[in-house]
Amino acid sequence: MKKRVWALLDNRMGSVGQIRGITGIMNPEAYEIVEKQLVYNRWANLPNLLKGCSLLGLTKQSKTSISKDFPELVISASRRTATAALWIKKQSPQTKVIQLLHPDVSTANLKLFDRIFLPEHDRYKQSAGNCFYTTGSPHRVSAKALEEAQGKWQKSFEALPKPLTAVIVGGSIKGKPFALENAKELGRQIRLLKERTGGSVLITDSKRTGNEAEKIIMAELDGIPIHSYLWGSKDDNPIMGYWACADNIVVTGDSVSMTCESCGAGKPVFIFCGENWLTPKHYRFVESLYAGGYAVPLAENCEKFTEGKVLFPATEIVAEIDKLFE
């Protein structure tokens, strides 16, 4: 009989991408996946140390959706969903509960999870014997997803001069704005790369980029053949197609999820870190990618890095999940 799995999703797309990266490669003959979309109320911002193993912070409808008929496995991937996962564990001790990312809970509650999967750059945080570490975080850019995206998007880019450089732009992070000077330098570095290699740019950004920074980057790329999907566009999002069809990838280092996804494509990846922008945690993460052969800095001669290793930690994590039911 298939094991029922609840994937606890919220409004954090990075966390959602991590969970779907896991569930997307779980054996469909062994697991039945049900996504539970959790919606927060005003109490959600309370620290997890205060919320404990509770549903405090969820709307009434969200509480109802997870309050009965508990499954064999629950997967949570954010600080806020962690307390709901622990509440389920309290109600149904036989349910296996998996956490992606650090849950920021008490030491006692940390030990209640059956497995906690953390990226290496979070090794400095509180841990227990149930913590497992991977380079980077799980994501959705699987071989299957890339193959499907290439079939869908290849014709859209076939008229563009090669090589194709995908550019994935983030922006401001907590306490760290995306300075316009960094936006200009990013655009300049991309332009210099294309002057050295020729070809075109496939560019997308995020809400965190900001209108002014976006304008500055695009102005720097004026004259280069471009396919763009900028923040606010209502068109079909081509980002998976960018990863699938690009010959190399430029990504900003402000988002662990976004950078891991880019390294999952198995292409040469060039990371832009800017000045006085990223946190020590981000730098530890980026350095782990350099050390592992997944990426190099966006700089002069970065194009000499012609082979990127495929970063796909979901495989390791699913193998550990399978062990829970052996």
C-alpha atoms as a PDB file:
ATOM      1  CA  MET A   1       0.000   0.000   0.000  1.00  0.00           C
ATOM      2  CA  LYS A   2       1.242   3.485  -0.828  1.00  0.00           C
ATOM      3  CA  LYS A   3       2.431   5.728   2.002  1.00  0.00           C
ATOM      4  CA  ARG A   4       0.426   8.952   2.173  1.00  0.00           C
ATOM      5  CA  VAL A   5       2.535  12.108   2.225  1.00  0.00           C
ATOM      6  CA  TRP A   6       1.494  15.623   3.210  1.00  0.00           C
ATOM      7  CA  ALA A   7       3.676  18.356   1.701  1.00  0.00           C
ATOM      8  CA  LEU A   8       3.163  21.479   3.822  1.00  0.00           C
ATOM      9  CA  LEU A   9       3.359  24.480   1.478  1.00  0.00           C
ATOM     10  CA  ASP A  10       3.176  28.166   2.306  1.00  0.00           C
ATOM     11  CA  ASN A  11       3.741  31.469   0.488  1.00  0.00           C
ATOM     12  CA  ARG A  12       7.542  31.189   0.406  1.00  0.00           C
ATOM     13  CA  MET A  13       8.328  30.071  -3.133  1.00  0.00           C
ATOM     14  CA  GLY A  14      11.857  29.038  -2.209  1.00  0.00           C
ATOM     15  CA  SER A  15      10.497  26.622   0.383  1.00  0.00           C
ATOM     16  CA  VAL A  16       7.803  25.382  -1.993  1.00  0.00           C
ATOM     17  CA  GLY A  17      10.441  24.716  -4.652  1.00  0.00           C
ATOM     18  CA  GLN A  18      12.488  22.689  -2.176  1.00  0.00           C
ATOM     19  CA  ILE A  19       9.541  20.487  -1.206  1.00  0.00           C
ATOM     20  CA  ARG A  20       8.507  19.943  -4.820  1.00  0.00           C
ATOM     21  CA  GLY A  21      12.093  19.071  -5.641  1.00  0.00           C
ATOM     22  CA  ILE A  22      11.746  16.219  -3.134  1.00  0.00           C
ATOM     23  CA  THR A  23       8.227  15.040  -3.928  1.00  0.00           C
ATOM     24  CA  GLY A  24       8.882  15.280  -7.663  1.00  0.00           C
ATOM     25  CA  ILE A  25      11.358  12.393  -7.554  1.00  0.00           C
ATOM     26  CA  MET A  26       9.693  10.206  -4.901  1.00  0.00           C
ATOM     27  CA  ASN A  27       8.590   6.823  -6.217  1.00  0.00           C
ATOM     28  CA  PRO A  28       4.908   7.194  -7.291  1.00  0.00           C
ATOM     29  CA  GLU A  29       4.448   3.466  -6.718  1.00  0.00           C
ATOM     30  CA  ALA A  30       5.391   3.889  -3.064  1.00  0.00           C
ATOM     31  CA  TYR A  31       4.084   7.341  -2.127  1.00  0.00           C
ATOM     32  CA  GLU A  32       0.869   9.312  -2.650  1.00  0.00           C
ATOM     33  CA  ILE A  33       1.616  13.052  -2.425  1.00  0.00           C
ATOM     34  CA  VAL A  34      -0.992  15.542  -1.186  1.00  0.00           C
ATOM     35  CA  GLU A  35      -0.054  19.233  -1.031  1.00  0.00           C
ATOM     36  CA  LYS A  36      -1.474  21.125   1.934  1.00  0.00           C
ATOM     37  CA  GLN A  37      -1.472  24.876   1.331  1.00  0.00           C
ATOM     38  CA  LEU A  38      -1.114  26.660   4.673  1.00  0.00           C
ATOM     39  CA  VAL A  39      -2.226  30.278   5.085  1.00  0.00           C
ATOM     40  CA  TYR A  40      -0.977  32.434   7.964  1.00  0.00           C
ATOM     41  CA  ASN A  41      -2.661  34.862  10.305  1.00  0.00           C
ATOM     42  CA  ARG A  42      -1.136  37.699  12.331  1.00  0.00           C
ATOM     43  CA  TRP A  43       0.349  35.337  14.920  1.00  0.00           C
ATOM     44  CA  ALA A  44       2.619  33.703  12.368  1.00  0.00           C
ATOM     45  CA  ASN A  45       5.443  36.165  13.080  1.00  0.00           C
ATOM     46  CA  LEU A  46       5.816  34.965  16.661  1.00  0.00           C
ATOM     47  CA  PRO A  47       9.097  33.123  17.339  1.00  0.00           C
ATOM     48  CA  ASN A  48       8.871  29.335  17.132  1.00  0.00           C
ATOM     49  CA  LEU A  49      10.097  29.127  20.714  1.00  0.00           C
ATOM     50  CA  LEU A  50       6.768  30.686  21.713  1.00  0.00           C
ATOM     51  CA  LYS A  51       4.617  28.737  19.249  1.00  0.00           C
ATOM     52  CA  GLY A  52       6.149  25.392  20.198  1.00  0.00           C
ATOM     53  CA  CYS A  53       4.287  22.395  18.742  1.00  0.00           C
ATOM     54  CA  SER A  54       1.131  24.263  17.826  1.00  0.00           C
ATOM     55  CA  LEU A  55      -1.030  25.545  14.990  1.00  0.00           C
ATOM     56  CA  LEU A  56      -0.789  29.101  16.279  1.00  0.00           C
ATOM     57  CA  GLY A  57      -0.245  31.334  13.271  1.00  0.00           C
ATOM     58  CA  LEU A  58      -2.506  29.397  10.886  1.00  0.00           C
ATOM     59  CA  THR A  59      -5.949  30.399   9.679  1.00  0.00           C
ATOM     60  CA  LYS A  60      -8.937  28.329  10.790  1.00  0.00           C
ATOM     61  CA  GLN A  61      -9.264  26.744   7.349  1.00  0.00           C
ATOM     62  CA  SER A  62      -5.597  25.727   7.329  1.00  0.00           C
ATOM     63  CA  LYS A  63      -5.931  24.189  10.797  1.00  0.00           C
ATOM     64  CA  THR A  64      -8.948  22.182   9.683  1.00  0.00           C
ATOM     65  CA  SER A  65      -7.134  20.826   6.624  1.00  0.00           C
ATOM     66  CA  ILE A  66      -4.408  19.142   8.708  1.00  0.00           C
ATOM     67  CA  SER A  67      -6.276  18.244  11.903  1.00  0.00           C
ATOM     68  CA  LYS A  68      -7.424  14.696  11.116  1.00  0.00           C
ATOM     69  CA  ASP A  69      -6.716  11.544   9.086  1.00  0.00           C
ATOM     70  CA  PHE A  70      -2.966  11.962   9.544  1.00  0.00           C
ATOM     71  CA  PRO A  71      -0.617  10.501   6.887  1.00  0.00           C
ATOM     72  CA  GLU A  72       2.443   8.292   7.174  1.00  0.00           C
ATOM     73  CA  LEU A  73       4.810  11.142   6.249  1.00  0.00           C
ATOM     74  CA  VAL A  74       4.836  14.939   6.555  1.00  0.00           C
ATOM     75  CA  ILE A  75       7.378  17.156   4.783  1.00  0.00           C
ATOM     76  CA  SER A  76       7.879  20.729   5.989  1.00  0.00           C
ATOM     77  CA  ALA A  77      10.291  23.280   4.529  1.00  0.00           C
ATOM     78  CA  SER A  78      10.117  26.546   6.419  1.00  0.00           C
ATOM     79  CA  ARG A  79      10.346  27.926   9.919  1.00  0.00           C
ATOM     80  CA  ARG A  80       6.635  28.695   9.981  1.00  0.00           C
ATOM     81  CA  THR A  81       5.417  25.310   8.766  1.00  0.00           C
ATOM     82  CA  ALA A  82       7.797  23.552  11.195  1.00  0.00           C
ATOM     83  CA  THR A  83       5.568  24.158  14.235  1.00  0.00           C
ATOM     84  CA  ALA A  84       2.544  22.762  12.363  1.00  0.00           C
ATOM     85  CA  ALA A  85       4.566  19.679  11.437  1.00  0.00           C
ATOM     86  CA  LEU A  86       5.523  19.216  15.089  1.00  0.00           C
ATOM     87  CA  TRP A  87       1.871  19.575  16.126  1.00  0.00           C
ATOM     88  CA  ILE A  88       0.993  16.730  13.741  1.00  0.00           C
ATOM     89  CA  LYS A  89       3.804  14.645  15.258  1.00  0.00           C
ATOM     90  CA  LYS A  90       2.353  15.226  18.735  1.00  0.00           C
ATOM     91  CA  GLN A  91      -1.107  14.124  17.605  1.00  0.00           C
ATOM     92  CA  SER A  92       0.177  11.193  15.550  1.00  0.00           C
ATOM     93  CA  PRO A  93       3.552   9.924  16.900  1.00  0.00           C
ATOM     94  CA  GLN A  94       3.711   7.200  14.239  1.00  0.00           C
ATOM     95  CA  THR A  95       3.759   9.816  11.470  1.00  0.00           C
ATOM     96  CA  LYS A  96       7.273  10.435  10.147  1.00  0.00           C
ATOM     97  CA  VAL A  97       8.065  14.145  10.016  1.00  0.00           C
ATOM     98  CA  ILE A  98      10.783  15.558   7.743  1.00  0.00           C
ATOM     99  CA  GLN A  99      12.054  19.135   7.943  1.00  0.00           C
ATOM    100  CA  LEU A 100      13.987  20.960   5.216  1.00  0.00           C
ATOM    101  CA  LEU A 101      15.915  24.029   6.454  1.00  0.00           C
ATOM    102  CA  HIS A 102      16.508  24.811  10.110  1.00  0.00           C
ATOM    103  CA  PRO A 103      13.211  24.976  12.061  1.00  0.00           C
ATOM    104  CA  ASP A 104      14.438  27.410  14.766  1.00  0.00           C
ATOM    105  CA  VAL A 105      12.783  25.471  17.578  1.00  0.00           C
ATOM    106  CA  SER A 106      13.887  24.433  21.071  1.00  0.00           C
ATOM    107  CA  THR A 107      16.440  21.663  21.479  1.00  0.00           C
ATOM    108  CA  ALA A 108      13.717  19.310  22.747  1.00  0.00           C
ATOM    109  CA  ASN A 109      11.463  20.004  19.771  1.00  0.00           C
ATOM    110  CA  LEU A 110      14.376  19.745  17.343  1.00  0.00           C
ATOM    111  CA  LYS A 111      14.744  16.102  18.363  1.00  0.00           C
ATOM    112  CA  LEU A 112      11.085  15.336  17.560  1.00  0.00           C
ATOM    113  CA  PHE A 113      11.703  15.450  13.802  1.00  0.00           C
ATOM    114  CA  ASP A 114      12.560  12.117  12.229  1.00  0.00           C
ATOM    115  CA  ARG A 115      14.994  13.820   9.852  1.00  0.00           C
ATOM    116  CA  ILE A 116      16.169  17.414   9.397  1.00  0.00           C
ATOM    117  CA  PHE A 117      18.016  18.150   6.153  1.00  0.00           C
ATOM    118  CA  LEU A 118      20.245  21.221   6.256  1.00  0.00           C
ATOM    119  CA  PRO A 119      22.634  22.806   3.767  1.00  0.00           C
ATOM    120  CA  GLU A 120      26.298  22.686   4.775  1.00  0.00           C
ATOM    121  CA  HIS A 121      26.453  26.465   5.231  1.00  0.00           C
ATOM    122  CA  ASP A 122      23.991  26.105   8.161  1.00  0.00           C
ATOM    123  CA  ARG A 123      26.201  23.652  10.029  1.00  0.00           C
ATOM    124  CA  TYR A 124      26.991  26.352  12.613  1.00  0.00           C
ATOM    125  CA  LYS A 125      23.363  26.316  13.820  1.00  0.00           C
ATOM    126  CA  GLN A 126      21.963  24.218  16.653  1.00  0.00           C
ATOM    127  CA  SER A 127      21.898  20.547  15.665  1.00  0.00           C
ATOM    128  CA  ALA A 128      21.047  17.061  16.892  1.00  0.00           C
ATOM    129  CA  GLY A 129      21.606  13.460  15.816  1.00  0.00           C
ATOM    130  CA  ASN A 130      18.680  13.664  13.385  1.00  0.00           C
ATOM    131  CA  CYS A 131      20.343  16.406  11.288  1.00  0.00           C
ATOM    132  CA  PHE A 132      21.753  15.541   7.857  1.00  0.00           C
ATOM    133  CA  TYR A 133      23.794  17.945   5.732  1.00  0.00           C
ATOM    134  CA  THR A 134      23.959  18.454   1.963  1.00  0.00           C
ATOM    135  CA  THR A 135      25.728  20.878  -0.349  1.00  0.00           C
ATOM    136  CA  GLY A 136      23.027  23.410  -1.121  1.00  0.00           C
ATOM    137  CA  SER A 137      19.298  22.793  -0.852  1.00  0.00           C
ATOM    138  CA  PRO A 138      16.887  20.542  -2.778  1.00  0.00           C
ATOM    139  CA  HIS A 139      15.166  22.071  -5.789  1.00  0.00           C
ATOM    140  CA  ARG A 140      12.886  21.335  -8.746  1.00  0.00           C
ATOM    141  CA  VAL A 141      15.404  21.465 -11.599  1.00  0.00           C
ATOM    142  CA  SER A 142      15.494  17.734 -12.262  1.00  0.00           C
ATOM    143  CA  ALA A 143      16.682  16.004 -15.438  1.00  0.00           C
ATOM    144  CA  LYS A 144      13.050  15.292 -16.314  1.00  0.00           C
ATOM    145  CA  ALA A 145      11.975  18.908 -15.770  1.00  0.00           C
ATOM    146  CA  LEU A 146      14.840  20.156 -17.936  1.00  0.00           C
ATOM    147  CA  GLU A 147      14.011  17.736 -20.745  1.00  0.00           C
ATOM    148  CA  GLU A 148      10.360  18.796 -20.749  1.00  0.00           C
ATOM    149  CA  ALA A 149      11.308  22.499 -20.655  1.00  0.00           C
ATOM    150  CA  GLN A 150      13.735  22.132 -23.543  1.00  0.00           C
ATOM    151  CA  GLY A 151      11.011  20.568 -25.678  1.00  0.00           C
ATOM    152  CA  LYS A 152       8.643  23.411 -24.802  1.00  0.00           C
ATOM    153  CA  TRP A 153      10.982  26.419 -25.127  1.00  0.00           C
ATOM    154  CA  GLN A 154      13.736  25.565 -27.595  1.00  0.00           C
ATOM    155  CA  LYS A 155      11.887  27.010 -30.605  1.00  0.00           C
ATOM    156  CA  SER A 156      11.323  30.292 -28.742  1.00  0.00           C
ATOM    157  CA  PHE A 157      15.079  30.867 -28.542  1.00  0.00           C
ATOM    158  CA  GLU A 158      16.307  29.250 -31.776  1.00  0.00           C
ATOM    159  CA  ALA A 159      16.618  32.549 -33.682  1.00  0.00           C
ATOM    160  CA  LEU A 160      18.909  34.055 -31.029  1.00  0.00           C
ATOM    161  CA  PRO A 161      22.678  34.002 -31.688  1.00  0.00           C
ATOM    162  CA  LYS A 162      24.561  31.384 -29.669  1.00  0.00           C
ATOM    163  CA  PRO A 163      25.874  30.890 -27.052  1.00  0.00           C
ATOM    164  CA  LEU A 164      22.881  31.596 -24.837  1.00  0.00           C
ATOM    165  CA  THR A 165      23.583  32.981 -21.365  1.00  0.00           C
ATOM    166  CA  ALA A 166      20.733  32.677 -18.865  1.00  0.00           C
ATOM    167  CA  VAL A 167      20.772  35.527 -16.327  1.00  0.00           C
ATOM    168  CA  ILE A 168      18.843  34.941 -13.094  1.00  0.00           C
ATOM    169  CA  VAL A 169      18.658  38.119 -10.992  1.00  0.00           C
ATOM    170  CA  GLY A 170      17.559  38.335  -7.369  1.00  0.00           C
ATOM    171  CA  GLY A 171      17.775  41.497  -5.296  1.00  0.00           C
ATOM    172  CA  SER A 172      17.363  42.856  -1.809  1.00  0.00           C
ATOM    173  CA  ILE A 173      17.668  40.498   1.139  1.00  0.00           C
ATOM    174  CA  LYS A 174      16.824  41.094   4.797  1.00  0.00           C
ATOM    175  CA  GLY A 175      18.792  44.118   5.947  1.00  0.00           C
ATOM    176  CA  LYS A 176      20.744  44.219   2.675  1.00  0.00           C
ATOM    177  CA  PRO A 177      19.353  46.302  -0.234  1.00  0.00           C
ATOM    178  CA  PHE A 178      20.318  45.575  -3.827  1.00  0.00           C
ATOM    179  CA  ALA A 179      22.372  48.716  -4.380  1.00  0.00           C
ATOM    180  CA  LEU A 180      22.147  50.403  -7.756  1.00  0.00           C
ATOM    181  CA  GLU A 181      25.957  50.273  -7.947  1.00  0.00           C
ATOM    182  CA  ASN A 182      25.735  46.480  -7.753  1.00  0.00           C
ATOM    183  CA  ALA A 183      23.034  46.414 -10.405  1.00  0.00           C
ATOM    184  CA  LYS A 184      25.244  48.451 -12.717  1.00  0.00           C
ATOM    185  CA  GLU A 185      28.253  46.220 -12.052  1.00  0.00           C
ATOM    186  CA  LEU A 186      26.184  43.091 -12.716  1.00  0.00           C
ATOM    187  CA  GLY A 187      25.031  44.515 -16.048  1.00  0.00           C
ATOM    188  CA  ARG A 188      28.601  45.532 -16.902  1.00  0.00           C
ATOM    189  CA  GLN A 189      30.000  42.083 -16.119  1.00  0.00           C
ATOM    190  CA  ILE A 190      27.339  40.403 -18.262  1.00  0.00           C
ATOM    191  CA  ARG A 191      28.039  42.796 -21.137  1.00  0.00           C
ATOM    192  CA  LEU A 192      31.780  42.094 -20.883  1.00  0.00           C
ATOM    193  CA  LEU A 193      31.098  38.351 -20.869  1.00  0.00           C
ATOM    194  CA  LYS A 194      29.027  38.639 -24.047  1.00  0.00           C
ATOM    195  CA  GLU A 195      31.677  40.834 -25.683  1.00  0.00           C
ATOM    196  CA  ARG A 196      34.162  38.018 -25.078  1.00  0.00           C
ATOM    197  CA  THR A 197      31.911  35.116 -26.103  1.00  0.00           C
ATOM    198  CA  GLY A 198      29.253  36.630 -28.347  1.00  0.00           C
ATOM    199  CA  GLY A 199      25.724  35.281 -28.360  1.00  0.00           C
ATOM    200  CA  SER A 200      22.557  36.284 -26.522  1.00  0.00           C
ATOM    201  CA  VAL A 201      21.045  36.719 -23.074  1.00  0.00           C
ATOM    202  CA  LEU A 202      17.961  35.094 -21.545  1.00  0.00           C
ATOM    203  CA  ILE A 203      17.177  37.279 -18.518  1.00  0.00           C
ATOM    204  CA  THR A 204      14.667  37.159 -15.683  1.00  0.00           C
ATOM    205  CA  ASP A 205      14.509  39.009 -12.367  1.00  0.00           C
ATOM    206  CA  SER A 206      12.378  39.113  -9.235  1.00  0.00           C
ATOM    207  CA  LYS A 207      10.267  41.463  -7.159  1.00  0.00           C
ATOM    208  CA  ARG A 208      13.329  41.962  -4.964  1.00  0.00           C
ATOM    209  CA  THR A 209      15.307  43.410  -7.876  1.00  0.00           C
ATOM    210  CA  GLY A 210      13.424  46.711  -7.919  1.00  0.00           C
ATOM    211  CA  ASN A 211      12.441  48.870 -10.898  1.00  0.00           C
ATOM    212  CA  GLU A 212      15.492  51.127 -10.858  1.00  0.00           C
ATOM    213  CA  ALA A 213      17.975  48.275 -10.610  1.00  0.00           C
ATOM    214  CA  GLU A 214      16.160  46.449 -13.401  1.00  0.00           C
ATOM    215  CA  LYS A 215      16.379  49.512 -15.660  1.00  0.00           C
ATOM    216  CA  ILE A 216      20.085  49.906 -14.950  1.00  0.00           C
ATOM    217  CA  ILE A 217      20.840  46.272 -15.774  1.00  0.00           C
ATOM    218  CA  MET A 218      18.830  46.373 -18.985  1.00  0.00           C
ATOM    219  CA  ALA A 219      20.506  49.623 -20.048  1.00  0.00           C
ATOM    220  CA  GLU A 220      23.921  47.977 -19.633  1.00  0.00           C
ATOM    221  CA  LEU A 221      22.768  45.145 -21.902  1.00  0.00           C
ATOM    222  CA  ASP A 222      21.479  47.446 -24.638  1.00  0.00           C
ATOM    223  CA  GLY A 223      22.456  46.133 -28.063  1.00  0.00           C
ATOM    224  CA  ILE A 224      22.796  42.500 -26.987  1.00  0.00           C
ATOM    225  CA  PRO A 225      20.153  40.104 -28.396  1.00  0.00           C
ATOM    226  CA  ILE A 226      17.830  39.347 -25.477  1.00  0.00           C
ATOM    227  CA  HIS A 227      14.843  37.262 -24.486  1.00  0.00           C
ATOM    228  CA  SER A 228      13.471  38.680 -21.232  1.00  0.00           C
ATOM    229  CA  TYR A 229      10.896  37.795 -18.618  1.00  0.00           C
ATOM    230  CA  LEU A 230      10.910  40.663 -16.150  1.00  0.00           C
ATOM    231  CA  TRP A 231       9.018  41.088 -12.901  1.00  0.00           C
ATOM    232  CA  GLY A 232       5.304  41.742 -13.454  1.00  0.00           C
ATOM    233  CA  SER A 233       5.085  39.967 -16.817  1.00  0.00           C
ATOM    234  CA  LYS A 234       1.871  37.984 -17.282  1.00  0.00           C
ATOM    235  CA  ASP A 235       3.361  35.681 -19.928  1.00  0.00           C
ATOM    236  CA  ASP A 236       4.194  32.043 -19.331  1.00  0.00           C
ATOM    237  CA  ASN A 237       7.303  31.956 -17.120  1.00  0.00           C
ATOM    238  CA  PRO A 238      10.235  30.623 -19.209  1.00  0.00           C
ATOM    239  CA  ILE A 239      12.770  30.241 -16.375  1.00  0.00           C
ATOM    240  CA  MET A 240      12.892  26.439 -16.624  1.00  0.00           C
ATOM    241  CA  GLY A 241      13.396  26.880 -20.352  1.00  0.00           C
ATOM    242  CA  TYR A 242      16.246  29.289 -19.657  1.00  0.00           C
ATOM    243  CA  TRP A 243      18.000  26.703 -17.490  1.00  0.00           C
ATOM    244  CA  ALA A 244      17.339  23.956 -20.036  1.00  0.00           C
ATOM    245  CA  CYS A 245      18.420  25.791 -23.182  1.00  0.00           C
ATOM    246  CA  ALA A 246      21.233  28.031 -21.949  1.00  0.00           C
ATOM    247  CA  ASP A 247      24.873  27.268 -22.682  1.00  0.00           C
ATOM    248  CA  ASN A 248      25.917  28.945 -19.435  1.00  0.00           C
ATOM    249  CA  ILE A 249      24.217  30.704 -16.526  1.00  0.00           C
ATOM    250  CA  VAL A 250      24.808  33.907 -14.559  1.00  0.00           C
ATOM    251  CA  VAL A 251      23.043  34.023 -11.191  1.00  0.00           C
ATOM    252  CA  THR A 252      23.179  36.416  -8.258  1.00  0.00           C
ATOM    253  CA  GLY A 253      24.223  34.820  -4.972  1.00  0.00           C
ATOM    254  CA  ASP A 254      21.524  36.358  -2.776  1.00  0.00           C
ATOM    255  CA  SER A 255      19.127  33.389  -2.993  1.00  0.00           C
ATOM    256  CA  VAL A 256      20.156  29.876  -1.960  1.00  0.00           C
ATOM    257  CA  SER A 257      17.197  28.335  -3.804  1.00  0.00           C
ATOM    258  CA  MET A 258      17.760  30.289  -7.014  1.00  0.00           C
ATOM    259  CA  THR A 259      21.478  29.536  -7.064  1.00  0.00           C
ATOM    260  CA  CYS A 260      20.981  25.838  -6.314  1.00  0.00           C
ATOM    261  CA  GLU A 261      18.419  25.627  -9.110  1.00  0.00           C
ATOM    262  CA  SER A 262      20.901  27.197 -11.513  1.00  0.00           C
ATOM    263  CA  CYS A 263      23.596  24.710 -10.473  1.00  0.00           C
ATOM    264  CA  GLY A 264      21.091  21.898 -10.965  1.00  0.00           C
ATOM    265  CA  ALA A 265      21.064  22.514 -14.711  1.00  0.00           C
ATOM    266  CA  GLY A 266      24.554  21.056 -15.104  1.00  0.00           C
ATOM    267  CA  LYS A 267      25.802  24.073 -17.066  1.00  0.00           C
ATOM    268  CA  PRO A 268      28.754  26.378 -16.324  1.00  0.00           C
ATOM    269  CA  VAL A 269      27.453  28.753 -13.626  1.00  0.00           C
ATOM    270  CA  PHE A 270      28.933  32.195 -12.915  1.00  0.00           C
ATOM    271  CA  ILE A 271      27.899  33.757  -9.580  1.00  0.00           C
ATOM    272  CA  PHE A 272      27.692  37.506  -8.958  1.00  0.00           C
ATOM    273  CA  CYS A 273      28.124  38.546  -5.313  1.00  0.00           C
ATOM    274  CA  GLY A 274      28.507  42.314  -5.614  1.00  0.00           C
ATOM    275  CA  GLU A 275      29.907  44.531  -2.859  1.00  0.00           C
ATOM    276  CA  ASN A 276      28.639  44.861   0.738  1.00  0.00           C
ATOM    277  CA  TRP A 277      25.496  42.929  -0.149  1.00  0.00           C
ATOM    278  CA  LEU A 278      25.547  39.262   0.818  1.00  0.00           C
ATOM    279  CA  THR A 279      25.564  37.988   4.400  1.00  0.00           C
ATOM    280  CA  PRO A 280      28.270  35.709   5.882  1.00  0.00           C
ATOM    281  CA  LYS A 281      25.828  32.808   5.426  1.00  0.00           C
ATOM    282  CA  HIS A 282      25.529  33.577   1.710  1.00  0.00           C
ATOM    283  CA  TYR A 283      29.292  33.756   1.336  1.00  0.00           C
ATOM    284  CA  ARG A 284      29.709  30.381   3.058  1.00  0.00           C
ATOM    285  CA  PHE A 285      27.149  28.940   0.659  1.00  0.00           C
ATOM    286  CA  VAL A 286      28.752  30.414  -2.457  1.00  0.00           C
ATOM    287  CA  GLU A 287      32.211  29.252  -1.378  1.00  0.00           C
ATOM    288  CA  SER A 288      30.867  25.706  -0.955  1.00  0.00           C
ATOM    289  CA  LEU A 289      29.703  25.799  -4.579  1.00  0.00           C
ATOM    290  CA  TYR A 290      33.083  27.013  -5.778  1.00  0.00           C
ATOM    291  CA  ALA A 291      34.863  24.328  -3.748  1.00  0.00           C
ATOM    292  CA  GLY A 292      32.559  21.611  -5.081  1.00  0.00           C
ATOM    293  CA  GLY A 293      33.102  22.501  -8.737  1.00  0.00           C
ATOM    294  CA  TYR A 294      29.539  23.677  -9.316  1.00  0.00           C
ATOM    295  CA  ALA A 295      30.279  27.335 -10.126  1.00  0.00           C
ATOM    296  CA  VAL A 296      32.894  30.098 -10.361  1.00  0.00           C
ATOM    297  CA  PRO A 297      32.685  33.863  -9.753  1.00  0.00           C
ATOM    298  CA  LEU A 298      31.386  36.088 -12.543  1.00  0.00           C
ATOM    299  CA  ALA A 299      34.659  37.726 -13.530  1.00  0.00           C
ATOM    300  CA  GLU A 300      37.167  38.063 -16.332  1.00  0.00           C
ATOM    301  CA  ASN A 301      37.841  34.706 -18.023  1.00  0.00           C
ATOM    302  CA  CYS A 302      35.026  32.952 -16.123  1.00  0.00           C
ATOM    303  CA  GLU A 303      33.985  31.474 -19.486  1.00  0.00           C
ATOM    304  CA  LYS A 304      37.020  29.170 -19.259  1.00  0.00           C
ATOM    305  CA  PHE A 305      34.963  27.208 -16.717  1.00  0.00           C
ATOM    306  CA  THR A 306      33.204  25.058 -19.295  1.00  0.00           C
ATOM    307  CA  GLU A 307      31.798  22.163 -17.257  1.00  0.00           C
ATOM    308  CA  GLY A 308      29.562  22.504 -14.237  1.00  0.00           C
ATOM    309  CA  LYS A 309      28.755  19.624 -11.913  1.00  0.00           C
ATOM    310  CA  VAL A 310      25.059  18.851 -11.417  1.00  0.00           C
ATOM    311  CA  LEU A 311      23.850  19.895  -7.950  1.00  0.00           C
ATOM    312  CA  PHE A 312      20.797  17.814  -7.028  1.00  0.00           C
ATOM    313  CA  PRO A 313      20.688  17.011  -3.276  1.00  0.00           C
ATOM    314  CA  ALA A 314      17.079  15.814  -3.522  1.00  0.00           C
ATOM    315  CA  THR A 315      18.389  12.383  -4.510  1.00  0.00           C
ATOM    316  CA  GLU A 316      20.264  12.004  -1.212  1.00  0.00           C
ATOM    317  CA  ILE A 317      17.286  13.221   0.787  1.00  0.00           C
ATOM    318  CA  VAL A 318      14.766  10.880  -0.846  1.00  0.00           C
ATOM    319  CA  ALA A 319      17.125   7.960  -0.208  1.00  0.00           C
ATOM    320  CA  GLU A 320      17.107   8.835   3.508  1.00  0.00           C
ATOM    321  CA  ILE A 321      13.308   9.144   3.505  1.00  0.00           C
ATOM    322  CA  ASP A 322      13.021   5.685   1.952  1.00  0.00           C
ATOM    323  CA  LYS A 323      15.130   4.273   4.799  1.00  0.00           C
ATOM    324  CA  LEU A 324      12.518   5.426   7.321  1.00  0.00           C
ATOM    325  CA  PHE A 325      10.057   2.899   5.906  1.00  0.00           C
ATOM    326  CA  GLU A 326      12.388  -0.083   5.432  1.00  0.00           C
END
